[in-house]
């Protein structure tokens, strides 16, 4: 049967449109009852202390707390998960925020033997901050940290946690992408990184010259959901040398149909 060029073009367009439709549809299935959950409200909880131990150290933390977490099981589950991830707590949480901050400072003090040794390069540091993105029925909690305990430089990290506001469920890549789409994400993310760096198209040789590891560029569950797209978060040395920092690669909703066709 003969198929005209116009019919072929129409089929290709519809195929591309289906990719973004599948992503949106999967989100709708997850969050069909979102309007029954109260909208989360937030406040900052800050802690700054300097400790004059044998090895001096300072702690600076800025935690975003869900103030109405007691209004629904979902919000309570999200708040508990965020607090455990932010403060690196296993098991039961302290009763108050002050005790939580003090516990983290005490753990840092013990782990790094601050009462027993001293170095001449200055105080140790622990800095952790958080940020929140709420889009539709998803809440993304982004934790960024830095600690210095000697050596040539400190250690930085970033972590994204994504939740359904309806259920409190922690979401993964499988909740947003089909297996076929996930298989195409490494090439798409490589191309997007090149675009972010001002290249016309994917150039793995150029990326290598700039200190990136193209073979390591792939999707993980370390991402956040925003109003414009899904952003993948990387820590130092994960997809590049220390000098490239902590890259972020955003997959815009508007480009999903083109990049994952």
C-alpha atoms as a PDB file:
ATOM      1  CA  UNK A   1       0.000   0.000   0.000  1.00  0.00           C
ATOM      2  CA  UNK A   2       1.341   3.417  -0.939  1.00  0.00           C
ATOM      3  CA  UNK A   3       1.741   5.922   1.920  1.00  0.00           C
ATOM      4  CA  UNK A   4       2.115   9.580   1.028  1.00  0.00           C
ATOM      5  CA  UNK A   5       4.861  11.852   2.426  1.00  0.00           C
ATOM      6  CA  UNK A   6       2.241  13.876   4.306  1.00  0.00           C
ATOM      7  CA  UNK A   7       0.890  10.719   5.977  1.00  0.00           C
ATOM      8  CA  UNK A   8       4.417   9.637   6.950  1.00  0.00           C
ATOM      9  CA  UNK A   9       5.162  13.056   8.416  1.00  0.00           C
ATOM     10  CA  UNK A  10       1.917  12.996  10.388  1.00  0.00           C
ATOM     11  CA  UNK A  11       2.748   9.570  11.855  1.00  0.00           C
ATOM     12  CA  UNK A  12       6.205  10.754  12.949  1.00  0.00           C
ATOM     13  CA  UNK A  13       4.744  13.811  14.649  1.00  0.00           C
ATOM     14  CA  UNK A  14       2.185  11.696  16.487  1.00  0.00           C
ATOM     15  CA  UNK A  15       4.890   9.252  17.573  1.00  0.00           C
ATOM     16  CA  UNK A  16       6.979  12.062  19.057  1.00  0.00           C
ATOM     17  CA  UNK A  17       3.973  13.585  20.800  1.00  0.00           C
ATOM     18  CA  UNK A  18       3.222  10.241  22.416  1.00  0.00           C
ATOM     19  CA  UNK A  19       6.510  10.269  24.337  1.00  0.00           C
ATOM     20  CA  UNK A  20       5.746  13.424  26.287  1.00  0.00           C
ATOM     21  CA  UNK A  21       2.123  12.314  26.643  1.00  0.00           C
ATOM     22  CA  UNK A  22       3.250   9.068  28.291  1.00  0.00           C
ATOM     23  CA  UNK A  23       5.373  10.975  30.799  1.00  0.00           C
ATOM     24  CA  UNK A  24       2.542  13.339  31.706  1.00  0.00           C
ATOM     25  CA  UNK A  25       0.038  10.499  31.855  1.00  0.00           C
ATOM     26  CA  UNK A  26       2.226   8.496  34.248  1.00  0.00           C
ATOM     27  CA  UNK A  27       2.400  11.484  36.575  1.00  0.00           C
ATOM     28  CA  UNK A  28      -1.378  11.898  36.419  1.00  0.00           C
ATOM     29  CA  UNK A  29      -1.917   8.256  37.362  1.00  0.00           C
ATOM     30  CA  UNK A  30       0.304   8.684  40.399  1.00  0.00           C
ATOM     31  CA  UNK A  31      -1.316  11.861  41.618  1.00  0.00           C
ATOM     32  CA  UNK A  32      -4.978  11.714  40.644  1.00  0.00           C
ATOM     33  CA  UNK A  33      -6.104  12.495  44.205  1.00  0.00           C
ATOM     34  CA  UNK A  34      -3.557  15.215  44.934  1.00  0.00           C
ATOM     35  CA  UNK A  35      -6.182  17.846  45.633  1.00  0.00           C
ATOM     36  CA  UNK A  36      -7.180  15.961  48.821  1.00  0.00           C
ATOM     37  CA  UNK A  37      -3.779  16.585  50.426  1.00  0.00           C
ATOM     38  CA  UNK A  38      -3.200  19.974  52.094  1.00  0.00           C
ATOM     39  CA  UNK A  39      -0.577  22.116  50.400  1.00  0.00           C
ATOM     40  CA  UNK A  40       2.687  21.939  52.359  1.00  0.00           C
ATOM     41  CA  UNK A  41       3.919  25.028  54.203  1.00  0.00           C
ATOM     42  CA  UNK A  42       7.556  25.591  55.082  1.00  0.00           C
ATOM     43  CA  UNK A  43       9.904  27.346  57.462  1.00  0.00           C
ATOM     44  CA  UNK A  44      13.704  27.584  57.796  1.00  0.00           C
ATOM     45  CA  UNK A  45      15.474  26.077  60.786  1.00  0.00           C
ATOM     46  CA  UNK A  46      19.047  27.348  61.059  1.00  0.00           C
ATOM     47  CA  UNK A  47      22.012  26.324  63.206  1.00  0.00           C
ATOM     48  CA  UNK A  48      25.431  27.967  63.324  1.00  0.00           C
ATOM     49  CA  UNK A  49      28.000  27.002  65.951  1.00  0.00           C
ATOM     50  CA  UNK A  50      31.772  27.160  66.348  1.00  0.00           C
ATOM     51  CA  UNK A  51      33.410  24.658  68.682  1.00  0.00           C
ATOM     52  CA  UNK A  52      36.700  25.396  70.449  1.00  0.00           C
ATOM     53  CA  UNK A  53      37.811  21.802  70.760  1.00  0.00           C
ATOM     54  CA  UNK A  54      41.399  20.581  70.307  1.00  0.00           C
ATOM     55  CA  UNK A  55      40.629  20.476  66.617  1.00  0.00           C
ATOM     56  CA  UNK A  56      38.289  23.487  66.181  1.00  0.00           C
ATOM     57  CA  UNK A  57      35.304  23.016  63.928  1.00  0.00           C
ATOM     58  CA  UNK A  58      32.200  24.890  62.854  1.00  0.00           C
ATOM     59  CA  UNK A  59      28.778  23.751  61.782  1.00  0.00           C
ATOM     60  CA  UNK A  60      26.365  25.701  59.580  1.00  0.00           C
ATOM     61  CA  UNK A  61      23.057  24.069  58.647  1.00  0.00           C
ATOM     62  CA  UNK A  62      19.881  25.426  57.067  1.00  0.00           C
ATOM     63  CA  UNK A  63      17.000  22.967  57.124  1.00  0.00           C
ATOM     64  CA  UNK A  64      13.621  23.556  55.464  1.00  0.00           C
ATOM     65  CA  UNK A  65      10.870  22.002  57.591  1.00  0.00           C
ATOM     66  CA  UNK A  66       7.287  21.189  56.572  1.00  0.00           C
ATOM     67  CA  UNK A  67       5.353  23.067  59.258  1.00  0.00           C
ATOM     68  CA  UNK A  68       1.991  21.378  58.630  1.00  0.00           C
ATOM     69  CA  UNK A  69       3.351  17.815  58.449  1.00  0.00           C
ATOM     70  CA  UNK A  70       0.832  16.746  61.107  1.00  0.00           C
ATOM     71  CA  UNK A  71      -2.063  17.540  58.744  1.00  0.00           C
ATOM     72  CA  UNK A  72      -1.678  14.391  56.634  1.00  0.00           C
ATOM     73  CA  UNK A  73       0.089  11.031  56.656  1.00  0.00           C
ATOM     74  CA  UNK A  74       1.768  11.877  53.357  1.00  0.00           C
ATOM     75  CA  UNK A  75       3.289  15.135  54.603  1.00  0.00           C
ATOM     76  CA  UNK A  76       4.407  13.467  57.835  1.00  0.00           C
ATOM     77  CA  UNK A  77       6.126  10.683  55.893  1.00  0.00           C
ATOM     78  CA  UNK A  78       7.860  13.213  53.634  1.00  0.00           C
ATOM     79  CA  UNK A  79       9.037  15.321  56.591  1.00  0.00           C
ATOM     80  CA  UNK A  80      10.444  12.289  58.408  1.00  0.00           C
ATOM     81  CA  UNK A  81      12.232  11.092  55.270  1.00  0.00           C
ATOM     82  CA  UNK A  82      13.681  14.559  54.608  1.00  0.00           C
ATOM     83  CA  UNK A  83      14.927  14.936  58.173  1.00  0.00           C
ATOM     84  CA  UNK A  84      16.623  11.552  58.188  1.00  0.00           C
ATOM     85  CA  UNK A  85      18.316  12.256  54.846  1.00  0.00           C
ATOM     86  CA  UNK A  86      19.371  15.805  55.774  1.00  0.00           C
ATOM     87  CA  UNK A  87      20.845  14.870  59.149  1.00  0.00           C
ATOM     88  CA  UNK A  88      22.050  11.385  58.097  1.00  0.00           C
ATOM     89  CA  UNK A  89      20.037   9.706  60.858  1.00  0.00           C
ATOM     90  CA  UNK A  90      19.292   5.994  61.030  1.00  0.00           C
ATOM     91  CA  UNK A  91      16.508   4.996  63.350  1.00  0.00           C
ATOM     92  CA  UNK A  92      14.396   7.176  65.621  1.00  0.00           C
ATOM     93  CA  UNK A  93      14.468  10.955  65.231  1.00  0.00           C
ATOM     94  CA  UNK A  94      15.222  13.267  68.192  1.00  0.00           C
ATOM     95  CA  UNK A  95      12.179  14.957  69.715  1.00  0.00           C
ATOM     96  CA  UNK A  96      13.141  18.547  68.863  1.00  0.00           C
ATOM     97  CA  UNK A  97      14.977  20.334  66.068  1.00  0.00           C
ATOM     98  CA  UNK A  98      17.573  21.675  68.531  1.00  0.00           C
ATOM     99  CA  UNK A  99      18.408  18.157  69.691  1.00  0.00           C
ATOM    100  CA  UNK A 100      18.646  17.070  66.070  1.00  0.00           C
ATOM    101  CA  UNK A 101      21.137  19.822  65.229  1.00  0.00           C
ATOM    102  CA  UNK A 102      23.163  19.146  68.394  1.00  0.00           C
ATOM    103  CA  UNK A 103      23.241  15.412  67.640  1.00  0.00           C
ATOM    104  CA  UNK A 104      24.637  16.032  64.147  1.00  0.00           C
ATOM    105  CA  UNK A 105      27.348  18.343  65.517  1.00  0.00           C
ATOM    106  CA  UNK A 106      28.248  15.754  68.158  1.00  0.00           C
ATOM    107  CA  UNK A 107      28.490  13.002  65.527  1.00  0.00           C
ATOM    108  CA  UNK A 108      30.795  15.159  63.396  1.00  0.00           C
ATOM    109  CA  UNK A 109      32.919  15.874  66.488  1.00  0.00           C
ATOM    110  CA  UNK A 110      33.241  12.185  67.393  1.00  0.00           C
ATOM    111  CA  UNK A 111      33.814  10.832  63.885  1.00  0.00           C
ATOM    112  CA  UNK A 112      36.628  13.313  63.225  1.00  0.00           C
ATOM    113  CA  UNK A 113      38.294  13.010  66.655  1.00  0.00           C
ATOM    114  CA  UNK A 114      38.042  16.740  67.264  1.00  0.00           C
ATOM    115  CA  UNK A 115      38.752  16.256  71.000  1.00  0.00           C
ATOM    116  CA  UNK A 116      41.956  14.320  70.389  1.00  0.00           C
ATOM    117  CA  UNK A 117      43.907  15.870  67.525  1.00  0.00           C
ATOM    118  CA  UNK A 118      44.731  19.219  65.982  1.00  0.00           C
ATOM    119  CA  UNK A 119      46.048  20.326  62.605  1.00  0.00           C
ATOM    120  CA  UNK A 120      47.475  23.682  61.612  1.00  0.00           C
ATOM    121  CA  UNK A 121      45.395  24.245  58.474  1.00  0.00           C
ATOM    122  CA  UNK A 122      42.417  25.774  60.290  1.00  0.00           C
ATOM    123  CA  UNK A 123      39.043  24.616  61.546  1.00  0.00           C
ATOM    124  CA  UNK A 124      37.066  21.731  60.165  1.00  0.00           C
ATOM    125  CA  UNK A 125      33.735  22.643  58.568  1.00  0.00           C
ATOM    126  CA  UNK A 126      30.341  21.054  58.057  1.00  0.00           C
ATOM    127  CA  UNK A 127      27.812  22.974  55.971  1.00  0.00           C
ATOM    128  CA  UNK A 128      24.473  21.566  54.836  1.00  0.00           C
ATOM    129  CA  UNK A 129      21.544  23.407  53.270  1.00  0.00           C
ATOM    130  CA  UNK A 130      18.253  22.402  51.690  1.00  0.00           C
ATOM    131  CA  UNK A 131      15.922  23.635  48.991  1.00  0.00           C
ATOM    132  CA  UNK A 132      12.424  22.648  47.903  1.00  0.00           C
ATOM    133  CA  UNK A 133      10.611  22.544  44.568  1.00  0.00           C
ATOM    134  CA  UNK A 134       6.863  21.900  44.439  1.00  0.00           C
ATOM    135  CA  UNK A 135       5.378  21.213  41.022  1.00  0.00           C
ATOM    136  CA  UNK A 136       1.879  19.872  40.509  1.00  0.00           C
ATOM    137  CA  UNK A 137       1.656  16.920  42.922  1.00  0.00           C
ATOM    138  CA  UNK A 138       5.374  16.339  43.409  1.00  0.00           C
ATOM    139  CA  UNK A 139       7.668  17.708  46.087  1.00  0.00           C
ATOM    140  CA  UNK A 140      11.406  17.654  45.455  1.00  0.00           C
ATOM    141  CA  UNK A 141      13.775  18.100  48.387  1.00  0.00           C
ATOM    142  CA  UNK A 142      17.352  18.995  47.425  1.00  0.00           C
ATOM    143  CA  UNK A 143      20.156  18.654  49.973  1.00  0.00           C
ATOM    144  CA  UNK A 144      23.542  20.251  49.300  1.00  0.00           C
ATOM    145  CA  UNK A 145      26.454  19.667  51.633  1.00  0.00           C
ATOM    146  CA  UNK A 146      30.138  20.423  52.131  1.00  0.00           C
ATOM    147  CA  UNK A 147      32.627  19.295  54.715  1.00  0.00           C
ATOM    148  CA  UNK A 148      36.313  19.986  55.189  1.00  0.00           C
ATOM    149  CA  UNK A 149      38.416  17.733  57.395  1.00  0.00           C
ATOM    150  CA  UNK A 150      41.865  18.433  56.013  1.00  0.00           C
ATOM    151  CA  UNK A 151      43.556  17.674  52.748  1.00  0.00           C
ATOM    152  CA  UNK A 152      43.740  19.602  49.500  1.00  0.00           C
ATOM    153  CA  UNK A 153      40.053  20.446  49.453  1.00  0.00           C
ATOM    154  CA  UNK A 154      36.722  19.635  51.063  1.00  0.00           C
ATOM    155  CA  UNK A 155      34.069  17.202  49.935  1.00  0.00           C
ATOM    156  CA  UNK A 156      30.763  18.379  48.428  1.00  0.00           C
ATOM    157  CA  UNK A 157      27.605  16.459  47.680  1.00  0.00           C
ATOM    158  CA  UNK A 158      24.043  16.958  46.507  1.00  0.00           C
ATOM    159  CA  UNK A 159      21.015  14.710  46.809  1.00  0.00           C
ATOM    160  CA  UNK A 160      17.509  14.965  45.380  1.00  0.00           C
ATOM    161  CA  UNK A 161      14.485  13.269  46.951  1.00  0.00           C
ATOM    162  CA  UNK A 162      11.160  13.293  45.104  1.00  0.00           C
ATOM    163  CA  UNK A 163       7.778  12.493  46.609  1.00  0.00           C
ATOM    164  CA  UNK A 164       4.125  12.119  45.747  1.00  0.00           C
ATOM    165  CA  UNK A 165       2.237  14.716  47.781  1.00  0.00           C
ATOM    166  CA  UNK A 166      -0.768  12.405  47.786  1.00  0.00           C
ATOM    167  CA  UNK A 167       0.861   9.272  49.207  1.00  0.00           C
ATOM    168  CA  UNK A 168       4.229  10.421  50.576  1.00  0.00           C
ATOM    169  CA  UNK A 169       5.815   7.782  48.344  1.00  0.00           C
ATOM    170  CA  UNK A 170       9.452   8.290  47.384  1.00  0.00           C
ATOM    171  CA  UNK A 171       9.540   8.387  43.584  1.00  0.00           C
ATOM    172  CA  UNK A 172      12.191   6.928  41.289  1.00  0.00           C
ATOM    173  CA  UNK A 173      13.031   7.135  37.596  1.00  0.00           C
ATOM    174  CA  UNK A 174      10.673   4.247  36.940  1.00  0.00           C
ATOM    175  CA  UNK A 175       7.762   6.477  37.987  1.00  0.00           C
ATOM    176  CA  UNK A 176       8.547   8.965  35.201  1.00  0.00           C
ATOM    177  CA  UNK A 177      10.154   7.043  32.341  1.00  0.00           C
ATOM    178  CA  UNK A 178       9.418   3.827  30.502  1.00  0.00           C
ATOM    179  CA  UNK A 179      12.253   1.265  30.061  1.00  0.00           C
ATOM    180  CA  UNK A 180      12.565   2.362  26.430  1.00  0.00           C
ATOM    181  CA  UNK A 181      12.946   6.006  27.429  1.00  0.00           C
ATOM    182  CA  UNK A 182      15.467   5.189  30.157  1.00  0.00           C
ATOM    183  CA  UNK A 183      17.624   3.389  27.599  1.00  0.00           C
ATOM    184  CA  UNK A 184      17.816   6.611  25.567  1.00  0.00           C
ATOM    185  CA  UNK A 185      18.537   8.924  28.486  1.00  0.00           C
ATOM    186  CA  UNK A 186      22.381   8.615  28.510  1.00  0.00           C
ATOM    187  CA  UNK A 187      22.665   9.915  24.934  1.00  0.00           C
ATOM    188  CA  UNK A 188      20.073  12.619  25.628  1.00  0.00           C
ATOM    189  CA  UNK A 189      21.847  13.800  28.779  1.00  0.00           C
ATOM    190  CA  UNK A 190      25.191  13.902  26.985  1.00  0.00           C
ATOM    191  CA  UNK A 191      23.688  16.064  24.251  1.00  0.00           C
ATOM    192  CA  UNK A 192      22.012  18.341  26.805  1.00  0.00           C
ATOM    193  CA  UNK A 193      25.272  18.819  28.720  1.00  0.00           C
ATOM    194  CA  UNK A 194      27.012  19.780  25.498  1.00  0.00           C
ATOM    195  CA  UNK A 195      24.271  22.318  24.780  1.00  0.00           C
ATOM    196  CA  UNK A 196      24.623  23.735  28.296  1.00  0.00           C
ATOM    197  CA  UNK A 197      28.355  24.178  27.665  1.00  0.00           C
ATOM    198  CA  UNK A 198      27.747  26.018  24.390  1.00  0.00           C
ATOM    199  CA  UNK A 199      28.395  23.191  21.927  1.00  0.00           C
ATOM    200  CA  UNK A 200      26.242  22.742  18.857  1.00  0.00           C
ATOM    201  CA  UNK A 201      25.859  18.998  19.378  1.00  0.00           C
ATOM    202  CA  UNK A 202      27.210  16.056  21.346  1.00  0.00           C
ATOM    203  CA  UNK A 203      31.027  16.102  21.303  1.00  0.00           C
ATOM    204  CA  UNK A 204      32.404  13.511  23.725  1.00  0.00           C
ATOM    205  CA  UNK A 205      36.015  14.308  22.766  1.00  0.00           C
ATOM    206  CA  UNK A 206      35.510  17.952  23.720  1.00  0.00           C
ATOM    207  CA  UNK A 207      33.796  16.939  26.951  1.00  0.00           C
ATOM    208  CA  UNK A 208      36.814  14.808  27.849  1.00  0.00           C
ATOM    209  CA  UNK A 209      39.139  17.734  27.192  1.00  0.00           C
ATOM    210  CA  UNK A 210      37.041  19.834  29.587  1.00  0.00           C
ATOM    211  CA  UNK A 211      37.415  17.276  32.370  1.00  0.00           C
ATOM    212  CA  UNK A 212      34.153  15.341  31.987  1.00  0.00           C
ATOM    213  CA  UNK A 213      33.803  11.560  31.835  1.00  0.00           C
ATOM    214  CA  UNK A 214      31.325  11.032  28.954  1.00  0.00           C
ATOM    215  CA  UNK A 215      31.102   7.296  29.558  1.00  0.00           C
ATOM    216  CA  UNK A 216      29.728   7.989  33.059  1.00  0.00           C
ATOM    217  CA  UNK A 217      26.932  10.329  31.986  1.00  0.00           C
ATOM    218  CA  UNK A 218      23.752   8.436  32.710  1.00  0.00           C
ATOM    219  CA  UNK A 219      20.513   8.888  34.657  1.00  0.00           C
ATOM    220  CA  UNK A 220      20.272   8.015  38.338  1.00  0.00           C
ATOM    221  CA  UNK A 221      17.616   8.435  41.011  1.00  0.00           C
ATOM    222  CA  UNK A 222      19.448  11.587  42.119  1.00  0.00           C
ATOM    223  CA  UNK A 223      17.202  14.132  40.391  1.00  0.00           C
ATOM    224  CA  UNK A 224      14.580  16.784  41.104  1.00  0.00           C
ATOM    225  CA  UNK A 225      11.309  17.727  39.427  1.00  0.00           C
ATOM    226  CA  UNK A 226      10.689  21.387  38.606  1.00  0.00           C
ATOM    227  CA  UNK A 227       8.120  23.379  36.656  1.00  0.00           C
ATOM    228  CA  UNK A 228      10.319  23.300  33.536  1.00  0.00           C
ATOM    229  CA  UNK A 229      11.773  19.810  33.527  1.00  0.00           C
ATOM    230  CA  UNK A 230      13.564  16.996  35.332  1.00  0.00           C
ATOM    231  CA  UNK A 231      17.066  17.920  36.495  1.00  0.00           C
ATOM    232  CA  UNK A 232      19.695  15.242  37.147  1.00  0.00           C
ATOM    233  CA  UNK A 233      22.167  16.019  39.937  1.00  0.00           C
ATOM    234  CA  UNK A 234      25.781  14.848  40.051  1.00  0.00           C
ATOM    235  CA  UNK A 235      28.424  14.970  42.762  1.00  0.00           C
ATOM    236  CA  UNK A 236      32.143  15.707  42.219  1.00  0.00           C
ATOM    237  CA  UNK A 237      34.006  12.944  40.363  1.00  0.00           C
ATOM    238  CA  UNK A 238      30.736  11.297  39.284  1.00  0.00           C
ATOM    239  CA  UNK A 239      30.724  12.504  35.674  1.00  0.00           C
ATOM    240  CA  UNK A 240      33.836  14.673  35.724  1.00  0.00           C
ATOM    241  CA  UNK A 241      36.926  15.716  37.639  1.00  0.00           C
ATOM    242  CA  UNK A 242      36.746  17.800  40.819  1.00  0.00           C
ATOM    243  CA  UNK A 243      37.206  21.043  38.862  1.00  0.00           C
ATOM    244  CA  UNK A 244      33.856  20.699  37.040  1.00  0.00           C
ATOM    245  CA  UNK A 245      32.058  20.819  40.397  1.00  0.00           C
ATOM    246  CA  UNK A 246      28.563  19.400  40.777  1.00  0.00           C
ATOM    247  CA  UNK A 247      26.970  19.456  37.311  1.00  0.00           C
ATOM    248  CA  UNK A 248      23.223  19.613  36.826  1.00  0.00           C
ATOM    249  CA  UNK A 249      21.640  18.505  33.569  1.00  0.00           C
ATOM    250  CA  UNK A 250      18.028  19.522  32.974  1.00  0.00           C
ATOM    251  CA  UNK A 251      15.782  17.544  30.651  1.00  0.00           C
ATOM    252  CA  UNK A 252      13.109  20.125  29.704  1.00  0.00           C
ATOM    253  CA  UNK A 253       9.572  18.876  29.230  1.00  0.00           C
ATOM    254  CA  UNK A 254       9.530  20.774  25.936  1.00  0.00           C
ATOM    255  CA  UNK A 255      12.445  18.678  24.595  1.00  0.00           C
ATOM    256  CA  UNK A 256      11.406  15.214  25.742  1.00  0.00           C
ATOM    257  CA  UNK A 257       9.658  14.338  22.475  1.00  0.00           C
ATOM    258  CA  UNK A 258      12.740  15.274  20.429  1.00  0.00           C
ATOM    259  CA  UNK A 259      15.433  13.768  22.666  1.00  0.00           C
ATOM    260  CA  UNK A 260      13.741  10.482  23.532  1.00  0.00           C
ATOM    261  CA  UNK A 261      12.092   9.651  20.210  1.00  0.00           C
END
